[in-house]
Amino acid sequence: MMKLLLALLAGLVFGLGLILSGMTDPAKVIGFLDITGNWDPSLGLVMGGAVLVGLLTFRLTASRAKAYFGDALQIPTSRDIDRRLVLGSLTFGVGWGLAGYCPGPALASLAGGGQQALLFVAAMLAGMVLFAVLDKR
């Protein structure tokens, strides 16, 4: 039960951070990505903070055998940059640039009831199903 409460708390803090930072506003995200137009660099600080937290977390967990609640750690070990990684990254980036959403902010935006976020999440889920079907081949 404690794991579920902490997971809920972490999700709420993450979602609140996305909302407060402006990551749930597609216009702000697209303004950040538009480096040749009216560029808004403010989300760069948000991303830099997220990268810093991620780096510190990976450093702290690298020496651990198990997670804090005893589960096995599932830290990626592959460092290969292959075709699949590059194509996935490009697909993610194009989708983010066109819609102004990535998965976390889109899910947080659902709380506001926006149709744009609902459409994005539906398309994201359809893409996940399509990937699962094609990946089995």
C-alpha atoms as a PDB file:
ATOM      1  CA  MET A   1       0.000   0.000   0.000  1.00  0.00           C
ATOM      2  CA  MET A   2       2.883   2.345   0.803  1.00  0.00           C
ATOM      3  CA  LYS A   3       4.330   1.784  -2.692  1.00  0.00           C
ATOM      4  CA  LEU A   4       1.028   2.839  -4.267  1.00  0.00           C
ATOM      5  CA  LEU A   5       0.777   5.963  -2.136  1.00  0.00           C
ATOM      6  CA  LEU A   6       4.337   6.989  -2.955  1.00  0.00           C
ATOM      7  CA  ALA A   7       3.738   6.283  -6.658  1.00  0.00           C
ATOM      8  CA  LEU A   8       0.608   8.447  -6.536  1.00  0.00           C
ATOM      9  CA  LEU A   9       2.505  11.215  -4.741  1.00  0.00           C
ATOM     10  CA  ALA A  10       5.368  11.057  -7.265  1.00  0.00           C
ATOM     11  CA  GLY A  11       2.885  11.203 -10.144  1.00  0.00           C
ATOM     12  CA  LEU A  12       1.084  14.184  -8.615  1.00  0.00           C
ATOM     13  CA  VAL A  13       4.360  16.051  -8.059  1.00  0.00           C
ATOM     14  CA  PHE A  14       5.446  15.257 -11.633  1.00  0.00           C
ATOM     15  CA  GLY A  15       2.125  16.390 -13.096  1.00  0.00           C
ATOM     16  CA  LEU A  16       2.083  19.560 -11.005  1.00  0.00           C
ATOM     17  CA  GLY A  17       5.640  20.321 -12.120  1.00  0.00           C
ATOM     18  CA  LEU A  18       4.630  19.888 -15.765  1.00  0.00           C
ATOM     19  CA  ILE A  19       1.678  22.235 -15.311  1.00  0.00           C
ATOM     20  CA  LEU A  20       3.634  24.900 -13.391  1.00  0.00           C
ATOM     21  CA  SER A  21       6.538  24.825 -15.864  1.00  0.00           C
ATOM     22  CA  GLY A  22       4.262  25.327 -18.868  1.00  0.00           C
ATOM     23  CA  MET A  23       5.040  21.951 -20.447  1.00  0.00           C
ATOM     24  CA  THR A  24       1.286  21.282 -20.770  1.00  0.00           C
ATOM     25  CA  ASP A  25       0.802  24.345 -22.979  1.00  0.00           C
ATOM     26  CA  PRO A  26       1.391  23.291 -26.609  1.00  0.00           C
ATOM     27  CA  ALA A  27       1.912  26.916 -27.712  1.00  0.00           C
ATOM     28  CA  LYS A  28       4.731  27.338 -25.175  1.00  0.00           C
ATOM     29  CA  VAL A  29       6.343  24.058 -26.243  1.00  0.00           C
ATOM     30  CA  ILE A  30       6.141  24.946 -29.921  1.00  0.00           C
ATOM     31  CA  GLY A  31       7.580  28.387 -29.059  1.00  0.00           C
ATOM     32  CA  PHE A  32      10.537  26.606 -27.466  1.00  0.00           C
ATOM     33  CA  LEU A  33      11.028  24.410 -30.533  1.00  0.00           C
ATOM     34  CA  ASP A  34      10.742  27.339 -32.998  1.00  0.00           C
ATOM     35  CA  ILE A  35      14.379  28.437 -32.913  1.00  0.00           C
ATOM     36  CA  THR A  36      14.107  30.417 -36.157  1.00  0.00           C
ATOM     37  CA  GLY A  37      10.985  32.369 -35.154  1.00  0.00           C
ATOM     38  CA  ASN A  38       9.786  33.794 -31.852  1.00  0.00           C
ATOM     39  CA  TRP A  39      11.920  31.435 -29.735  1.00  0.00           C
ATOM     40  CA  ASP A  40      11.049  30.987 -26.039  1.00  0.00           C
ATOM     41  CA  PRO A  41      14.075  29.421 -24.274  1.00  0.00           C
ATOM     42  CA  SER A  42      12.376  29.118 -20.859  1.00  0.00           C
ATOM     43  CA  LEU A  43      11.596  25.410 -21.212  1.00  0.00           C
ATOM     44  CA  GLY A  44      15.322  24.776 -21.635  1.00  0.00           C
ATOM     45  CA  LEU A  45      15.700  25.435 -17.897  1.00  0.00           C
ATOM     46  CA  VAL A  46      12.943  22.922 -17.174  1.00  0.00           C
ATOM     47  CA  MET A  47      14.634  20.320 -19.355  1.00  0.00           C
ATOM     48  CA  GLY A  48      18.031  21.074 -17.845  1.00  0.00           C
ATOM     49  CA  GLY A  49      16.608  20.580 -14.364  1.00  0.00           C
ATOM     50  CA  ALA A  50      15.025  17.288 -15.410  1.00  0.00           C
ATOM     51  CA  VAL A  51      18.288  16.050 -16.928  1.00  0.00           C
ATOM     52  CA  LEU A  52      20.177  17.011 -13.764  1.00  0.00           C
ATOM     53  CA  VAL A  53      17.702  15.141 -11.540  1.00  0.00           C
ATOM     54  CA  GLY A  54      17.896  12.127 -13.873  1.00  0.00           C
ATOM     55  CA  LEU A  55      21.699  12.094 -13.851  1.00  0.00           C
ATOM     56  CA  LEU A  56      21.842  12.317 -10.071  1.00  0.00           C
ATOM     57  CA  THR A  57      19.234   9.587  -9.693  1.00  0.00           C
ATOM     58  CA  PHE A  58      21.052   7.214 -12.044  1.00  0.00           C
ATOM     59  CA  ARG A  59      24.317   7.873 -10.179  1.00  0.00           C
ATOM     60  CA  LEU A  60      22.686   7.104  -6.831  1.00  0.00           C
ATOM     61  CA  THR A  61      21.010   3.921  -8.062  1.00  0.00           C
ATOM     62  CA  ALA A  62      23.994   2.586 -10.003  1.00  0.00           C
ATOM     63  CA  SER A  63      25.543   1.156  -6.853  1.00  0.00           C
ATOM     64  CA  ARG A  64      22.312  -0.383  -5.550  1.00  0.00           C
ATOM     65  CA  ALA A  65      21.301  -3.987  -6.123  1.00  0.00           C
ATOM     66  CA  LYS A  66      17.607  -3.388  -5.427  1.00  0.00           C
ATOM     67  CA  ALA A  67      15.114  -0.525  -5.469  1.00  0.00           C
ATOM     68  CA  TYR A  68      14.115   1.151  -2.216  1.00  0.00           C
ATOM     69  CA  PHE A  69      11.143  -1.171  -1.732  1.00  0.00           C
ATOM     70  CA  GLY A  70      13.100  -4.331  -2.583  1.00  0.00           C
ATOM     71  CA  ASP A  71      12.061  -4.748  -6.219  1.00  0.00           C
ATOM     72  CA  ALA A  72      14.666  -5.489  -8.879  1.00  0.00           C
ATOM     73  CA  LEU A  73      16.118  -2.400 -10.536  1.00  0.00           C
ATOM     74  CA  GLN A  74      15.455  -2.170 -14.245  1.00  0.00           C
ATOM     75  CA  ILE A  75      18.144   0.198 -15.453  1.00  0.00           C
ATOM     76  CA  PRO A  76      18.884   0.068 -19.191  1.00  0.00           C
ATOM     77  CA  THR A  77      22.313  -1.325 -19.996  1.00  0.00           C
ATOM     78  CA  SER A  78      22.409  -0.982 -23.778  1.00  0.00           C
ATOM     79  CA  ARG A  79      24.407   1.915 -25.175  1.00  0.00           C
ATOM     80  CA  ASP A  80      23.828   0.988 -28.818  1.00  0.00           C
ATOM     81  CA  ILE A  81      22.624   3.681 -31.180  1.00  0.00           C
ATOM     82  CA  ASP A  82      20.854   1.643 -33.818  1.00  0.00           C
ATOM     83  CA  ARG A  83      18.294   2.244 -36.558  1.00  0.00           C
ATOM     84  CA  ARG A  84      15.391   1.479 -34.247  1.00  0.00           C
ATOM     85  CA  LEU A  85      16.507   4.045 -31.648  1.00  0.00           C
ATOM     86  CA  VAL A  86      17.103   6.750 -34.253  1.00  0.00           C
ATOM     87  CA  LEU A  87      13.744   6.177 -35.989  1.00  0.00           C
ATOM     88  CA  GLY A  88      11.904   6.117 -32.668  1.00  0.00           C
ATOM     89  CA  SER A  89      13.593   9.337 -31.570  1.00  0.00           C
ATOM     90  CA  LEU A  90      12.767  11.029 -34.852  1.00  0.00           C
ATOM     91  CA  THR A  91       9.136   9.912 -34.649  1.00  0.00           C
ATOM     92  CA  PHE A  92       8.873  11.186 -31.069  1.00  0.00           C
ATOM     93  CA  GLY A  93      10.474  14.522 -31.981  1.00  0.00           C
ATOM     94  CA  VAL A  94       8.296  15.097 -35.040  1.00  0.00           C
ATOM     95  CA  GLY A  95       5.163  14.267 -33.059  1.00  0.00           C
ATOM     96  CA  TRP A  96       6.239  16.586 -30.237  1.00  0.00           C
ATOM     97  CA  GLY A  97       6.996  19.388 -32.676  1.00  0.00           C
ATOM     98  CA  LEU A  98       3.715  19.034 -34.567  1.00  0.00           C
ATOM     99  CA  ALA A  99       1.398  18.617 -31.584  1.00  0.00           C
ATOM    100  CA  GLY A 100       3.269  20.489 -28.845  1.00  0.00           C
ATOM    101  CA  TYR A 101       2.737  17.533 -26.515  1.00  0.00           C
ATOM    102  CA  CYS A 102       4.818  14.643 -25.333  1.00  0.00           C
ATOM    103  CA  PRO A 103       3.274  11.780 -23.316  1.00  0.00           C
ATOM    104  CA  GLY A 104       3.657  13.118 -19.762  1.00  0.00           C
ATOM    105  CA  PRO A 105       2.323  16.626 -20.392  1.00  0.00           C
ATOM    106  CA  ALA A 106      -0.485  15.230 -22.564  1.00  0.00           C
ATOM    107  CA  LEU A 107      -1.642  12.983 -19.710  1.00  0.00           C
ATOM    108  CA  ALA A 108      -1.385  15.879 -17.238  1.00  0.00           C
ATOM    109  CA  SER A 109      -3.409  18.030 -19.660  1.00  0.00           C
ATOM    110  CA  LEU A 110      -6.238  15.499 -19.594  1.00  0.00           C
ATOM    111  CA  ALA A 111      -7.045  16.761 -16.091  1.00  0.00           C
ATOM    112  CA  GLY A 112      -7.986  20.094 -17.668  1.00  0.00           C
ATOM    113  CA  GLY A 113     -10.370  18.375 -20.050  1.00  0.00           C
ATOM    114  CA  GLY A 114      -8.847  19.753 -23.229  1.00  0.00           C
ATOM    115  CA  GLN A 115      -9.951  18.090 -26.461  1.00  0.00           C
ATOM    116  CA  GLN A 116      -6.524  18.633 -27.978  1.00  0.00           C
ATOM    117  CA  ALA A 117      -4.896  16.554 -25.235  1.00  0.00           C
ATOM    118  CA  LEU A 118      -7.588  13.875 -25.538  1.00  0.00           C
ATOM    119  CA  LEU A 119      -6.986  13.622 -29.277  1.00  0.00           C
ATOM    120  CA  PHE A 120      -3.223  13.415 -28.757  1.00  0.00           C
ATOM    121  CA  VAL A 121      -3.528  10.683 -26.107  1.00  0.00           C
ATOM    122  CA  ALA A 122      -5.905   8.694 -28.347  1.00  0.00           C
ATOM    123  CA  ALA A 123      -3.428   8.973 -31.248  1.00  0.00           C
ATOM    124  CA  MET A 124      -0.548   8.054 -28.924  1.00  0.00           C
ATOM    125  CA  LEU A 125      -2.380   4.923 -27.729  1.00  0.00           C
ATOM    126  CA  ALA A 126      -3.223   3.975 -31.327  1.00  0.00           C
ATOM    127  CA  GLY A 127       0.449   4.381 -32.229  1.00  0.00           C
ATOM    128  CA  MET A 128       1.463   2.148 -29.316  1.00  0.00           C
ATOM    129  CA  VAL A 129      -0.957  -0.560 -30.467  1.00  0.00           C
ATOM    130  CA  LEU A 130       0.279  -0.246 -34.060  1.00  0.00           C
ATOM    131  CA  PHE A 131       3.883  -0.549 -32.878  1.00  0.00           C
ATOM    132  CA  ALA A 132       3.057  -3.667 -30.821  1.00  0.00           C
ATOM    133  CA  VAL A 133       1.383  -5.287 -33.837  1.00  0.00           C
ATOM    134  CA  LEU A 134       4.223  -4.403 -36.242  1.00  0.00           C
ATOM    135  CA  ASP A 135       6.921  -5.347 -33.727  1.00  0.00           C
ATOM    136  CA  LYS A 136       5.576  -8.898 -33.524  1.00  0.00           C
ATOM    137  CA  ARG A 137       6.272  -9.384 -37.252  1.00  0.00           C
END
